[in-house]
N, C-alpha and C. Protein backbone atom coordinates (compact mmCIF):
# COMPACT_ATOMS: atom_id res chain seq x y z
N THR A 1 0.84 -1.20 0.00
CA THR A 1 0.00 0.00 0.00
C THR A 1 0.87 1.25 0.00
N ALA A 2 0.46 2.27 -0.75
CA ALA A 2 1.10 3.58 -0.72
C ALA A 2 0.05 4.60 -0.32
N ALA A 3 0.35 5.39 0.70
CA ALA A 3 -0.58 6.41 1.19
C ALA A 3 -0.28 7.74 0.51
N HIS A 4 -1.31 8.37 -0.06
CA HIS A 4 -1.13 9.67 -0.69
C HIS A 4 -0.88 10.72 0.39
N PRO A 5 -0.02 11.71 0.12
CA PRO A 5 0.25 12.74 1.13
C PRO A 5 -0.96 13.58 1.52
N ASP A 6 -2.06 13.50 0.79
CA ASP A 6 -3.26 14.26 1.19
C ASP A 6 -3.97 13.63 2.38
N GLY A 7 -3.55 12.44 2.80
CA GLY A 7 -4.15 11.79 3.96
C GLY A 7 -5.49 11.15 3.69
N ARG A 8 -5.97 11.23 2.46
CA ARG A 8 -7.29 10.69 2.13
C ARG A 8 -7.23 9.48 1.20
N HIS A 9 -6.32 9.52 0.24
CA HIS A 9 -6.27 8.48 -0.78
C HIS A 9 -5.13 7.49 -0.53
N ALA A 10 -5.33 6.27 -1.01
CA ALA A 10 -4.30 5.25 -0.91
C ALA A 10 -4.37 4.37 -2.15
N TYR A 11 -3.25 3.68 -2.41
CA TYR A 11 -3.13 2.83 -3.60
C TYR A 11 -2.62 1.47 -3.17
N VAL A 12 -3.34 0.42 -3.59
CA VAL A 12 -3.06 -0.94 -3.16
C VAL A 12 -2.80 -1.79 -4.40
N THR A 13 -1.77 -2.62 -4.34
CA THR A 13 -1.50 -3.53 -5.45
C THR A 13 -2.21 -4.86 -5.23
N ASP A 14 -2.69 -5.45 -6.33
CA ASP A 14 -3.31 -6.77 -6.33
C ASP A 14 -2.45 -7.65 -7.23
N ALA A 15 -1.60 -8.48 -6.62
CA ALA A 15 -0.65 -9.28 -7.39
C ALA A 15 -1.35 -10.30 -8.28
N ALA A 16 -2.42 -10.92 -7.76
CA ALA A 16 -3.10 -11.96 -8.53
C ALA A 16 -3.74 -11.41 -9.80
N ARG A 17 -4.32 -10.21 -9.71
CA ARG A 17 -4.99 -9.61 -10.87
C ARG A 17 -4.08 -8.67 -11.66
N GLY A 18 -2.91 -8.37 -11.12
CA GLY A 18 -2.01 -7.43 -11.79
C GLY A 18 -2.59 -6.02 -11.85
N GLU A 19 -3.26 -5.62 -10.76
CA GLU A 19 -3.96 -4.34 -10.77
C GLU A 19 -3.41 -3.40 -9.69
N LEU A 20 -3.65 -2.11 -9.92
CA LEU A 20 -3.48 -1.08 -8.91
C LEU A 20 -4.86 -0.53 -8.59
N ILE A 21 -5.18 -0.44 -7.31
CA ILE A 21 -6.51 -0.02 -6.86
C ILE A 21 -6.39 1.31 -6.14
N ALA A 22 -7.18 2.29 -6.54
CA ALA A 22 -7.23 3.60 -5.88
C ALA A 22 -8.38 3.61 -4.89
N LEU A 23 -8.10 4.04 -3.66
CA LEU A 23 -9.08 4.03 -2.59
C LEU A 23 -9.31 5.43 -2.02
N ASP A 24 -10.56 5.69 -1.64
CA ASP A 24 -10.90 6.81 -0.77
C ASP A 24 -10.99 6.20 0.62
N VAL A 25 -10.00 6.49 1.48
CA VAL A 25 -9.90 5.78 2.76
C VAL A 25 -11.02 6.17 3.73
N PRO A 26 -11.31 7.45 3.99
CA PRO A 26 -12.39 7.78 4.94
C PRO A 26 -13.74 7.22 4.51
N GLU A 27 -13.98 7.16 3.19
CA GLU A 27 -15.26 6.64 2.70
C GLU A 27 -15.25 5.12 2.52
N ALA A 28 -14.07 4.50 2.70
CA ALA A 28 -13.93 3.05 2.49
C ALA A 28 -14.48 2.64 1.12
N ARG A 29 -14.02 3.37 0.08
CA ARG A 29 -14.60 3.19 -1.25
C ARG A 29 -13.51 3.01 -2.29
N VAL A 30 -13.72 2.04 -3.18
CA VAL A 30 -12.83 1.84 -4.32
C VAL A 30 -13.19 2.86 -5.40
N LEU A 31 -12.20 3.64 -5.83
CA LEU A 31 -12.43 4.67 -6.85
C LEU A 31 -12.10 4.17 -8.25
N ALA A 32 -11.09 3.32 -8.36
CA ALA A 32 -10.69 2.85 -9.69
C ALA A 32 -9.77 1.65 -9.54
N ARG A 33 -9.76 0.84 -10.59
CA ARG A 33 -8.79 -0.26 -10.73
C ARG A 33 -8.18 -0.15 -12.12
N ILE A 34 -6.85 -0.24 -12.21
CA ILE A 34 -6.23 -0.26 -13.53
C ILE A 34 -5.25 -1.42 -13.60
N ARG A 35 -5.11 -1.96 -14.79
CA ARG A 35 -4.16 -3.03 -15.03
C ARG A 35 -2.76 -2.44 -15.19
N VAL A 36 -1.82 -2.90 -14.35
CA VAL A 36 -0.44 -2.41 -14.44
C VAL A 36 0.53 -3.51 -14.83
N GLY A 37 0.17 -4.78 -14.62
CA GLY A 37 1.04 -5.88 -14.99
C GLY A 37 0.98 -6.98 -13.96
N ALA A 38 1.25 -8.21 -14.41
CA ALA A 38 1.16 -9.38 -13.54
C ALA A 38 2.09 -9.27 -12.34
N ARG A 39 1.60 -9.76 -11.20
CA ARG A 39 2.36 -9.85 -9.95
C ARG A 39 2.71 -8.48 -9.36
N ALA A 40 1.89 -7.47 -9.62
CA ALA A 40 2.12 -6.14 -9.04
C ALA A 40 2.27 -6.26 -7.52
N ARG A 41 3.35 -5.69 -6.98
CA ARG A 41 3.66 -5.95 -5.57
C ARG A 41 4.05 -4.67 -4.84
N HIS A 42 5.35 -4.47 -4.59
CA HIS A 42 5.77 -3.29 -3.82
C HIS A 42 5.53 -2.02 -4.62
N VAL A 43 5.11 -0.96 -3.90
CA VAL A 43 4.74 0.29 -4.56
C VAL A 43 5.27 1.46 -3.74
N GLY A 44 5.78 2.49 -4.44
CA GLY A 44 6.25 3.71 -3.78
C GLY A 44 5.62 4.92 -4.44
N ILE A 45 5.35 5.96 -3.63
CA ILE A 45 4.72 7.18 -4.14
C ILE A 45 5.65 8.37 -3.88
N ASP A 46 5.67 9.33 -4.83
CA ASP A 46 6.53 10.49 -4.64
C ASP A 46 5.89 11.46 -3.64
N PRO A 47 6.69 12.28 -2.96
CA PRO A 47 6.15 13.14 -1.89
C PRO A 47 5.11 14.15 -2.36
N SER A 48 5.13 14.50 -3.65
CA SER A 48 4.12 15.43 -4.16
C SER A 48 2.81 14.73 -4.49
N GLY A 49 2.82 13.40 -4.50
CA GLY A 49 1.60 12.65 -4.78
C GLY A 49 1.22 12.59 -6.24
N HIS A 50 2.21 12.68 -7.14
CA HIS A 50 1.93 12.67 -8.58
C HIS A 50 2.29 11.37 -9.29
N ARG A 51 3.25 10.61 -8.74
CA ARG A 51 3.75 9.42 -9.44
C ARG A 51 3.83 8.23 -8.49
N LEU A 52 3.60 7.05 -9.06
CA LEU A 52 3.82 5.78 -8.38
C LEU A 52 4.77 4.93 -9.22
N TRP A 53 5.66 4.21 -8.54
CA TRP A 53 6.43 3.15 -9.18
C TRP A 53 6.01 1.83 -8.54
N VAL A 54 5.69 0.84 -9.38
CA VAL A 54 5.18 -0.44 -8.90
C VAL A 54 6.08 -1.56 -9.42
N ALA A 55 6.67 -2.34 -8.51
CA ALA A 55 7.47 -3.50 -8.91
C ALA A 55 6.54 -4.64 -9.29
N LEU A 56 6.75 -5.20 -10.47
CA LEU A 56 5.88 -6.27 -10.98
C LEU A 56 6.47 -7.63 -10.60
N GLY A 57 6.38 -7.93 -9.30
CA GLY A 57 6.86 -9.19 -8.78
C GLY A 57 7.87 -9.01 -7.68
N SER A 58 8.18 -10.10 -6.96
CA SER A 58 9.22 -10.08 -5.94
C SER A 58 10.61 -10.06 -6.56
N LYS A 59 10.70 -10.58 -7.78
CA LYS A 59 11.90 -10.50 -8.59
C LYS A 59 11.47 -9.94 -9.94
N ALA A 60 11.27 -8.62 -9.96
CA ALA A 60 10.58 -7.97 -11.07
C ALA A 60 11.53 -7.64 -12.22
N LYS A 61 11.16 -8.08 -13.42
CA LYS A 61 11.89 -7.69 -14.61
C LYS A 61 11.54 -6.27 -15.04
N GLU A 62 10.34 -5.81 -14.62
CA GLU A 62 9.89 -4.47 -14.99
C GLU A 62 9.19 -3.81 -13.82
N LEU A 63 9.13 -2.47 -13.88
CA LEU A 63 8.31 -1.68 -12.97
C LEU A 63 7.31 -0.89 -13.79
N ALA A 64 6.11 -0.74 -13.26
CA ALA A 64 5.08 0.08 -13.89
C ALA A 64 5.16 1.49 -13.32
N LEU A 65 5.15 2.50 -14.21
CA LEU A 65 5.17 3.90 -13.81
C LEU A 65 3.76 4.45 -14.00
N VAL A 66 3.18 4.99 -12.94
CA VAL A 66 1.76 5.37 -12.92
C VAL A 66 1.61 6.83 -12.53
N ASP A 67 0.79 7.55 -13.27
CA ASP A 67 0.45 8.94 -12.95
C ASP A 67 -0.80 8.95 -12.06
N VAL A 68 -0.70 9.65 -10.89
CA VAL A 68 -1.85 9.77 -10.01
C VAL A 68 -2.12 11.25 -9.71
N THR A 69 -1.85 12.10 -10.70
CA THR A 69 -2.17 13.52 -10.54
C THR A 69 -3.65 13.70 -10.25
N GLN A 70 -4.50 12.95 -10.98
CA GLN A 70 -5.91 12.86 -10.63
C GLN A 70 -6.05 11.67 -9.68
N ARG A 71 -6.21 11.97 -8.42
CA ARG A 71 -5.98 10.97 -7.37
C ARG A 71 -6.86 9.73 -7.47
N GLY A 72 -8.06 9.91 -7.92
CA GLY A 72 -8.97 8.78 -8.04
C GLY A 72 -8.96 8.13 -9.41
N ARG A 73 -8.06 8.59 -10.29
CA ARG A 73 -8.02 8.06 -11.66
C ARG A 73 -6.57 7.82 -12.07
N PRO A 74 -5.94 6.78 -11.52
CA PRO A 74 -4.55 6.48 -11.89
C PRO A 74 -4.45 6.13 -13.38
N ARG A 75 -3.29 6.46 -13.95
CA ARG A 75 -3.08 6.25 -15.39
C ARG A 75 -1.68 5.67 -15.61
N LEU A 76 -1.62 4.53 -16.30
CA LEU A 76 -0.34 3.88 -16.59
C LEU A 76 0.43 4.69 -17.63
N LEU A 77 1.66 5.09 -17.27
CA LEU A 77 2.50 5.87 -18.18
C LEU A 77 3.41 4.99 -19.02
N GLY A 78 3.87 3.88 -18.45
CA GLY A 78 4.79 3.01 -19.17
C GLY A 78 5.50 2.08 -18.22
N ARG A 79 6.56 1.45 -18.71
CA ARG A 79 7.31 0.47 -17.94
C ARG A 79 8.79 0.87 -17.91
N LEU A 80 9.49 0.37 -16.91
CA LEU A 80 10.92 0.61 -16.76
C LEU A 80 11.60 -0.70 -16.45
N ARG A 81 12.73 -0.96 -17.11
CA ARG A 81 13.50 -2.18 -16.85
C ARG A 81 14.66 -1.85 -15.91
N PRO A 82 14.68 -2.45 -14.71
CA PRO A 82 15.75 -2.16 -13.75
C PRO A 82 17.04 -2.89 -14.12
N PRO A 83 18.15 -2.55 -13.44
CA PRO A 83 19.43 -3.20 -13.75
C PRO A 83 19.56 -4.60 -13.18
N PHE A 84 18.57 -5.03 -12.41
CA PHE A 84 18.52 -6.37 -11.83
C PHE A 84 17.05 -6.73 -11.66
N LEU A 85 16.76 -7.89 -11.12
CA LEU A 85 15.37 -8.23 -10.80
C LEU A 85 14.99 -7.51 -9.51
N ALA A 86 14.07 -6.59 -9.61
CA ALA A 86 13.79 -5.65 -8.51
C ALA A 86 12.83 -6.24 -7.48
N HIS A 87 12.94 -5.73 -6.24
CA HIS A 87 12.05 -6.18 -5.17
C HIS A 87 11.26 -5.01 -4.58
N ASP A 88 11.94 -4.12 -3.85
CA ASP A 88 11.25 -3.01 -3.18
C ASP A 88 11.65 -1.70 -3.85
N VAL A 89 10.78 -0.68 -3.68
CA VAL A 89 11.06 0.62 -4.29
C VAL A 89 10.53 1.71 -3.36
N GLY A 90 11.33 2.77 -3.18
CA GLY A 90 10.91 3.84 -2.29
C GLY A 90 11.44 5.18 -2.73
N TRP A 91 10.66 6.23 -2.47
CA TRP A 91 10.99 7.60 -2.85
C TRP A 91 11.60 8.34 -1.67
N SER A 92 12.68 9.08 -1.90
CA SER A 92 13.26 9.88 -0.83
C SER A 92 12.31 11.00 -0.44
N PRO A 93 12.35 11.48 0.81
CA PRO A 93 11.41 12.51 1.26
C PRO A 93 11.45 13.79 0.44
N GLY A 94 12.61 14.15 -0.09
CA GLY A 94 12.70 15.34 -0.92
C GLY A 94 12.21 15.14 -2.34
N GLY A 95 12.00 13.89 -2.73
CA GLY A 95 11.47 13.57 -4.05
C GLY A 95 12.50 13.49 -5.16
N ALA A 96 13.77 13.71 -4.86
CA ALA A 96 14.79 13.75 -5.91
C ALA A 96 15.32 12.37 -6.28
N ARG A 97 15.28 11.43 -5.35
CA ARG A 97 15.87 10.11 -5.56
C ARG A 97 14.85 9.00 -5.34
N ILE A 98 15.02 7.93 -6.09
CA ILE A 98 14.26 6.70 -5.88
C ILE A 98 15.27 5.58 -5.62
N TRP A 99 15.06 4.86 -4.54
CA TRP A 99 15.90 3.71 -4.21
C TRP A 99 15.15 2.43 -4.53
N MET A 100 15.89 1.48 -5.07
CA MET A 100 15.31 0.19 -5.46
C MET A 100 16.21 -0.92 -4.95
N SER A 101 15.61 -1.95 -4.39
CA SER A 101 16.38 -3.10 -3.93
C SER A 101 16.22 -4.26 -4.91
N SER A 102 17.18 -5.16 -4.87
CA SER A 102 17.17 -6.30 -5.78
C SER A 102 16.54 -7.51 -5.12
N GLY A 103 15.91 -8.34 -5.94
CA GLY A 103 15.38 -9.60 -5.47
C GLY A 103 16.24 -10.78 -5.85
N ASP A 104 17.36 -10.52 -6.57
CA ASP A 104 18.17 -11.64 -7.04
C ASP A 104 19.66 -11.48 -6.80
N ARG A 105 20.10 -10.35 -6.21
CA ARG A 105 21.53 -10.17 -5.96
C ARG A 105 21.76 -9.15 -4.85
N ASN A 106 22.97 -9.07 -4.39
CA ASN A 106 23.33 -8.18 -3.27
C ASN A 106 23.60 -6.78 -3.79
N GLU A 107 22.56 -6.11 -4.28
CA GLU A 107 22.73 -4.78 -4.85
C GLU A 107 21.52 -3.90 -4.56
N LEU A 108 21.76 -2.60 -4.66
CA LEU A 108 20.72 -1.58 -4.60
C LEU A 108 20.95 -0.65 -5.79
N ALA A 109 19.90 0.04 -6.20
CA ALA A 109 20.01 1.01 -7.29
C ALA A 109 19.40 2.33 -6.86
N VAL A 110 20.01 3.43 -7.31
CA VAL A 110 19.52 4.77 -7.00
C VAL A 110 19.22 5.47 -8.32
N TYR A 111 17.99 6.04 -8.43
CA TYR A 111 17.53 6.69 -9.65
C TYR A 111 17.33 8.18 -9.43
N ASP A 112 17.55 8.94 -10.48
CA ASP A 112 17.10 10.32 -10.56
C ASP A 112 15.60 10.29 -10.84
N ALA A 113 14.80 10.79 -9.90
CA ALA A 113 13.34 10.65 -10.01
C ALA A 113 12.78 11.46 -11.16
N ALA A 114 13.30 12.65 -11.41
CA ALA A 114 12.73 13.53 -12.43
C ALA A 114 12.87 12.92 -13.82
N ARG A 115 13.98 12.22 -14.06
CA ARG A 115 14.24 11.67 -15.40
C ARG A 115 14.09 10.15 -15.47
N ALA A 116 13.75 9.52 -14.33
CA ALA A 116 13.68 8.06 -14.26
C ALA A 116 14.97 7.45 -14.80
N ARG A 117 16.10 8.03 -14.40
CA ARG A 117 17.41 7.64 -14.93
C ARG A 117 18.25 7.03 -13.81
N LEU A 118 18.88 5.88 -14.12
CA LEU A 118 19.74 5.21 -13.15
C LEU A 118 20.98 6.05 -12.89
N LEU A 119 21.23 6.36 -11.61
CA LEU A 119 22.42 7.13 -11.23
C LEU A 119 23.57 6.23 -10.84
N THR A 120 23.27 5.21 -10.02
CA THR A 120 24.34 4.35 -9.53
C THR A 120 23.75 3.06 -8.97
N THR A 121 24.56 2.04 -8.87
CA THR A 121 24.23 0.83 -8.13
C THR A 121 25.19 0.72 -6.95
N LEU A 122 24.70 0.16 -5.85
CA LEU A 122 25.47 0.05 -4.62
C LEU A 122 25.52 -1.40 -4.17
N ALA A 123 26.60 -1.75 -3.48
CA ALA A 123 26.68 -3.07 -2.86
C ALA A 123 25.69 -3.14 -1.71
N GLY A 124 25.02 -4.28 -1.58
CA GLY A 124 24.08 -4.49 -0.49
C GLY A 124 24.28 -5.85 0.13
N ASP A 125 23.33 -6.25 0.97
CA ASP A 125 23.37 -7.57 1.57
C ASP A 125 22.43 -8.50 0.81
N ALA A 126 22.19 -9.68 1.36
CA ALA A 126 21.45 -10.71 0.63
C ALA A 126 20.01 -10.28 0.36
N PRO A 127 19.50 -10.57 -0.83
CA PRO A 127 18.11 -10.25 -1.15
C PRO A 127 17.16 -11.22 -0.45
N PRO A 128 15.88 -10.81 -0.30
CA PRO A 128 15.31 -9.51 -0.67
C PRO A 128 15.60 -8.46 0.40
N GLN A 129 15.77 -7.21 -0.03
CA GLN A 129 16.00 -6.11 0.89
C GLN A 129 14.82 -5.13 0.81
N HIS A 130 14.60 -4.42 1.92
CA HIS A 130 13.53 -3.43 1.98
C HIS A 130 14.09 -2.10 2.45
N VAL A 131 13.44 -1.01 2.01
CA VAL A 131 13.96 0.33 2.28
C VAL A 131 12.89 1.23 2.90
N THR A 132 13.35 2.16 3.75
CA THR A 132 12.52 3.24 4.25
C THR A 132 13.42 4.45 4.48
N PHE A 133 12.82 5.63 4.66
CA PHE A 133 13.57 6.89 4.69
C PHE A 133 13.19 7.73 5.90
N ASN A 134 14.16 8.53 6.34
CA ASN A 134 13.91 9.57 7.33
C ASN A 134 14.86 10.72 7.02
N GLY A 135 14.31 11.80 6.44
CA GLY A 135 15.16 12.92 6.04
C GLY A 135 16.18 12.49 5.02
N ASP A 136 17.47 12.70 5.32
CA ASP A 136 18.52 12.33 4.39
C ASP A 136 19.09 10.96 4.69
N ARG A 137 18.39 10.16 5.49
CA ARG A 137 18.84 8.83 5.84
C ARG A 137 17.98 7.77 5.14
N VAL A 138 18.64 6.69 4.72
CA VAL A 138 17.96 5.54 4.11
C VAL A 138 18.28 4.32 4.96
N TYR A 139 17.26 3.55 5.30
CA TYR A 139 17.43 2.34 6.11
C TYR A 139 17.09 1.13 5.25
N VAL A 140 18.02 0.18 5.18
CA VAL A 140 17.88 -0.99 4.31
C VAL A 140 18.04 -2.25 5.15
N THR A 141 17.02 -3.09 5.17
CA THR A 141 17.11 -4.36 5.89
C THR A 141 17.33 -5.52 4.94
N SER A 142 18.11 -6.49 5.42
CA SER A 142 18.26 -7.78 4.74
C SER A 142 17.93 -8.86 5.75
N GLY A 143 16.78 -9.50 5.57
CA GLY A 143 16.38 -10.56 6.48
C GLY A 143 17.28 -11.77 6.40
N GLU A 144 17.78 -12.06 5.21
CA GLU A 144 18.66 -13.21 5.03
C GLU A 144 20.01 -12.98 5.71
N SER A 145 20.55 -11.77 5.59
CA SER A 145 21.84 -11.46 6.20
C SER A 145 21.74 -11.07 7.66
N GLY A 146 20.53 -10.67 8.10
CA GLY A 146 20.36 -10.19 9.47
C GLY A 146 21.04 -8.86 9.71
N THR A 147 20.80 -7.91 8.79
CA THR A 147 21.44 -6.59 8.91
C THR A 147 20.44 -5.48 8.66
N LEU A 148 20.72 -4.32 9.28
CA LEU A 148 20.07 -3.06 8.93
C LEU A 148 21.18 -2.08 8.62
N ARG A 149 21.22 -1.62 7.39
CA ARG A 149 22.24 -0.67 6.94
C ARG A 149 21.64 0.73 6.89
N VAL A 150 22.45 1.72 7.24
CA VAL A 150 22.06 3.12 7.14
C VAL A 150 22.94 3.78 6.08
N HIS A 151 22.29 4.46 5.14
CA HIS A 151 22.97 5.19 4.08
C HIS A 151 22.49 6.64 4.10
N ARG A 152 23.27 7.52 3.48
CA ARG A 152 22.75 8.82 3.07
C ARG A 152 21.97 8.62 1.78
N VAL A 153 21.09 9.57 1.49
CA VAL A 153 20.26 9.46 0.28
C VAL A 153 21.13 9.41 -0.99
N ASP A 154 22.31 10.03 -0.95
CA ASP A 154 23.19 9.98 -2.12
C ASP A 154 23.91 8.64 -2.27
N GLY A 155 23.73 7.73 -1.29
CA GLY A 155 24.29 6.39 -1.39
C GLY A 155 25.40 6.09 -0.41
N LYS A 156 26.01 7.08 0.19
CA LYS A 156 27.14 6.84 1.10
C LYS A 156 26.71 5.97 2.27
N ALA A 157 27.46 4.88 2.53
CA ALA A 157 27.17 3.99 3.66
C ALA A 157 27.64 4.63 4.95
N LEU A 158 26.79 4.58 5.99
CA LEU A 158 27.10 5.21 7.27
C LEU A 158 27.27 4.22 8.41
N HIS A 159 26.44 3.18 8.45
CA HIS A 159 26.44 2.32 9.63
C HIS A 159 25.74 1.01 9.29
N THR A 160 26.16 -0.08 9.93
CA THR A 160 25.49 -1.37 9.82
C THR A 160 25.24 -1.93 11.21
N THR A 161 24.02 -2.39 11.47
CA THR A 161 23.64 -2.99 12.74
C THR A 161 23.17 -4.41 12.51
N ARG A 162 23.62 -5.33 13.36
CA ARG A 162 23.11 -6.70 13.30
C ARG A 162 21.71 -6.76 13.92
N VAL A 163 20.80 -7.40 13.19
CA VAL A 163 19.45 -7.66 13.69
C VAL A 163 19.17 -9.14 13.47
N PRO A 164 18.13 -9.71 14.10
CA PRO A 164 17.86 -11.13 13.92
C PRO A 164 17.58 -11.47 12.45
N THR A 165 18.04 -12.64 12.02
CA THR A 165 17.69 -13.10 10.68
C THR A 165 16.18 -13.18 10.56
N GLY A 166 15.69 -12.90 9.38
CA GLY A 166 14.25 -12.85 9.16
C GLY A 166 13.66 -11.47 9.35
N SER A 167 14.51 -10.48 9.68
CA SER A 167 14.02 -9.10 9.83
C SER A 167 13.97 -8.45 8.46
N TYR A 168 12.88 -8.69 7.76
CA TYR A 168 12.75 -8.22 6.38
C TYR A 168 12.17 -6.81 6.29
N ASN A 169 10.95 -6.63 6.76
CA ASN A 169 10.26 -5.35 6.60
C ASN A 169 10.80 -4.31 7.56
N VAL A 170 10.75 -3.06 7.12
CA VAL A 170 11.28 -1.96 7.95
C VAL A 170 10.40 -0.73 7.77
N GLN A 171 10.11 -0.05 8.87
CA GLN A 171 9.31 1.18 8.86
C GLN A 171 9.96 2.20 9.79
N GLN A 172 9.59 3.47 9.63
CA GLN A 172 10.11 4.50 10.52
C GLN A 172 9.07 5.59 10.71
N ALA A 173 9.20 6.30 11.83
CA ALA A 173 8.42 7.50 12.10
C ALA A 173 9.02 8.21 13.29
N ARG A 174 9.06 9.54 13.22
CA ARG A 174 9.53 10.38 14.32
C ARG A 174 10.92 9.98 14.83
N GLY A 175 11.78 9.51 13.92
CA GLY A 175 13.14 9.17 14.30
C GLY A 175 13.33 7.77 14.84
N TRP A 176 12.25 6.97 14.94
CA TRP A 176 12.35 5.58 15.37
C TRP A 176 12.24 4.67 14.16
N VAL A 177 13.05 3.64 14.13
CA VAL A 177 13.05 2.67 13.05
C VAL A 177 12.69 1.31 13.65
N VAL A 178 11.77 0.58 13.02
CA VAL A 178 11.34 -0.72 13.56
C VAL A 178 11.42 -1.77 12.47
N THR A 179 11.86 -2.96 12.88
CA THR A 179 11.89 -4.10 11.97
C THR A 179 11.48 -5.35 12.74
N ALA A 180 10.56 -6.11 12.16
CA ALA A 180 10.01 -7.31 12.80
C ALA A 180 10.70 -8.56 12.25
N GLY A 181 10.83 -9.59 13.10
CA GLY A 181 11.55 -10.80 12.73
C GLY A 181 10.63 -11.94 12.37
N LEU A 182 10.57 -12.26 11.10
CA LEU A 182 9.69 -13.35 10.64
C LEU A 182 10.15 -14.69 11.18
N ASP A 183 11.45 -14.90 11.29
CA ASP A 183 11.97 -16.19 11.73
C ASP A 183 11.88 -16.38 13.24
N ARG A 184 12.11 -15.30 14.01
CA ARG A 184 12.27 -15.45 15.46
C ARG A 184 11.22 -14.72 16.28
N GLY A 185 10.31 -14.00 15.64
CA GLY A 185 9.26 -13.31 16.37
C GLY A 185 9.73 -12.10 17.15
N SER A 186 10.84 -11.52 16.71
CA SER A 186 11.42 -10.38 17.41
C SER A 186 10.85 -9.07 16.89
N LEU A 187 11.05 -8.02 17.67
CA LEU A 187 10.79 -6.65 17.22
C LEU A 187 11.98 -5.81 17.67
N CYS A 188 12.69 -5.24 16.69
CA CYS A 188 13.84 -4.39 16.99
C CYS A 188 13.46 -2.93 16.78
N VAL A 189 13.81 -2.10 17.75
CA VAL A 189 13.59 -0.66 17.68
C VAL A 189 14.96 0.01 17.67
N LEU A 190 15.20 0.84 16.64
CA LEU A 190 16.48 1.51 16.48
C LEU A 190 16.26 3.02 16.42
N ASP A 191 17.32 3.78 16.75
CA ASP A 191 17.22 5.23 16.64
C ASP A 191 17.61 5.68 15.24
N ARG A 192 17.62 6.99 15.02
CA ARG A 192 17.87 7.53 13.68
C ARG A 192 19.25 7.16 13.14
N SER A 193 20.21 6.97 14.02
CA SER A 193 21.56 6.62 13.59
C SER A 193 21.69 5.14 13.24
N GLY A 194 20.65 4.36 13.55
CA GLY A 194 20.71 2.92 13.31
C GLY A 194 21.18 2.12 14.50
N ARG A 195 21.27 2.75 15.66
CA ARG A 195 21.71 2.05 16.88
C ARG A 195 20.52 1.31 17.49
N LEU A 196 20.75 0.04 17.84
CA LEU A 196 19.69 -0.78 18.43
C LEU A 196 19.39 -0.28 19.84
N VAL A 197 18.12 0.09 20.09
CA VAL A 197 17.68 0.60 21.38
C VAL A 197 16.95 -0.47 22.18
N HIS A 198 16.04 -1.21 21.51
CA HIS A 198 15.28 -2.26 22.17
C HIS A 198 15.17 -3.46 21.23
N ARG A 199 15.22 -4.65 21.84
CA ARG A 199 14.85 -5.87 21.13
C ARG A 199 13.84 -6.61 22.00
N LEU A 200 12.63 -6.80 21.47
CA LEU A 200 11.55 -7.43 22.20
C LEU A 200 11.18 -8.75 21.54
N GLN A 201 10.71 -9.68 22.36
CA GLN A 201 10.15 -10.93 21.83
C GLN A 201 8.64 -10.78 21.85
N VAL A 202 8.00 -10.76 20.67
CA VAL A 202 6.57 -10.44 20.62
C VAL A 202 5.69 -11.60 20.17
N ALA A 203 6.29 -12.60 19.51
CA ALA A 203 5.49 -13.71 19.00
C ALA A 203 6.43 -14.82 18.54
N LYS A 204 5.86 -15.93 18.09
CA LYS A 204 6.69 -16.97 17.47
C LYS A 204 7.25 -16.50 16.14
N SER A 205 6.44 -15.68 15.44
CA SER A 205 6.87 -15.12 14.16
C SER A 205 6.17 -13.78 13.99
N SER A 206 6.93 -12.75 13.64
CA SER A 206 6.33 -11.42 13.44
C SER A 206 6.70 -10.93 12.05
N HIS A 207 5.71 -10.47 11.31
CA HIS A 207 5.90 -10.16 9.90
C HIS A 207 6.23 -8.70 9.64
N ASP A 208 5.46 -7.78 10.24
CA ASP A 208 5.66 -6.36 9.97
C ASP A 208 5.29 -5.56 11.21
N ALA A 209 5.71 -4.30 11.24
CA ALA A 209 5.42 -3.42 12.38
C ALA A 209 5.35 -1.99 11.88
N CYS A 210 4.69 -1.14 12.64
CA CYS A 210 4.62 0.28 12.31
C CYS A 210 4.68 1.09 13.60
N VAL A 211 4.93 2.38 13.45
CA VAL A 211 4.94 3.29 14.59
C VAL A 211 3.63 4.07 14.56
N VAL A 212 2.86 4.02 15.66
CA VAL A 212 1.58 4.72 15.76
C VAL A 212 1.82 6.08 16.40
N LEU A 213 1.38 7.13 15.72
CA LEU A 213 1.53 8.49 16.22
C LEU A 213 0.19 8.95 16.79
N ALA A 214 0.21 9.40 18.04
CA ALA A 214 -1.04 9.83 18.68
C ALA A 214 -0.81 11.16 19.39
N GLU A 215 -1.82 12.01 19.38
CA GLU A 215 -1.75 13.27 20.11
C GLU A 215 -1.82 13.00 21.61
N ARG A 216 -1.02 13.72 22.37
CA ARG A 216 -1.09 13.60 23.81
C ARG A 216 -2.37 14.23 24.33
N PRO A 217 -3.01 13.63 25.36
CA PRO A 217 -4.24 14.21 25.91
C PRO A 217 -3.94 15.53 26.63
């Protein structure tokens, strides 16, 4: 799922149907469905809410590029072939860079968002890897390698922290980074620098986690 910055709309991929679905969240209403390609999976939205990139599979040969300027009427613009079989895709908060992880090799790719042009590839850990952002920081998890890497948005590596194997998905909010352990049921909480602050045992297996933001009473 990709949440539009307007706080009202969201976009969900349907891998079985190869569709992208536009939702009005407060109304719990489907606004549109468009065909983007078989096995549509990970999706990233730009901070202005105009473009989506959708990886067509866990090891995607192509990505679908979608215009969502009209929020309830997504429009397929075309396809892009990555330098490897792609897995996850995410937009930097400033909107200038797109990071893509590989599903078939120990690499990452960084794109110029305005031109959809590959800028560089970086060494990474074992696939599949997942990415999230906080300001000029990029957090990349490898569940197979049991690592969380911190990069600058330009690609420079800053720090690597060991986390339990199976820690695939990663999320952040308000300077906290969380990754759940599919293999061991762990939940790791890290600070903005990537330093491990807490490791909790929450279940036999934990798939994903998020940070809930609430107003103080």
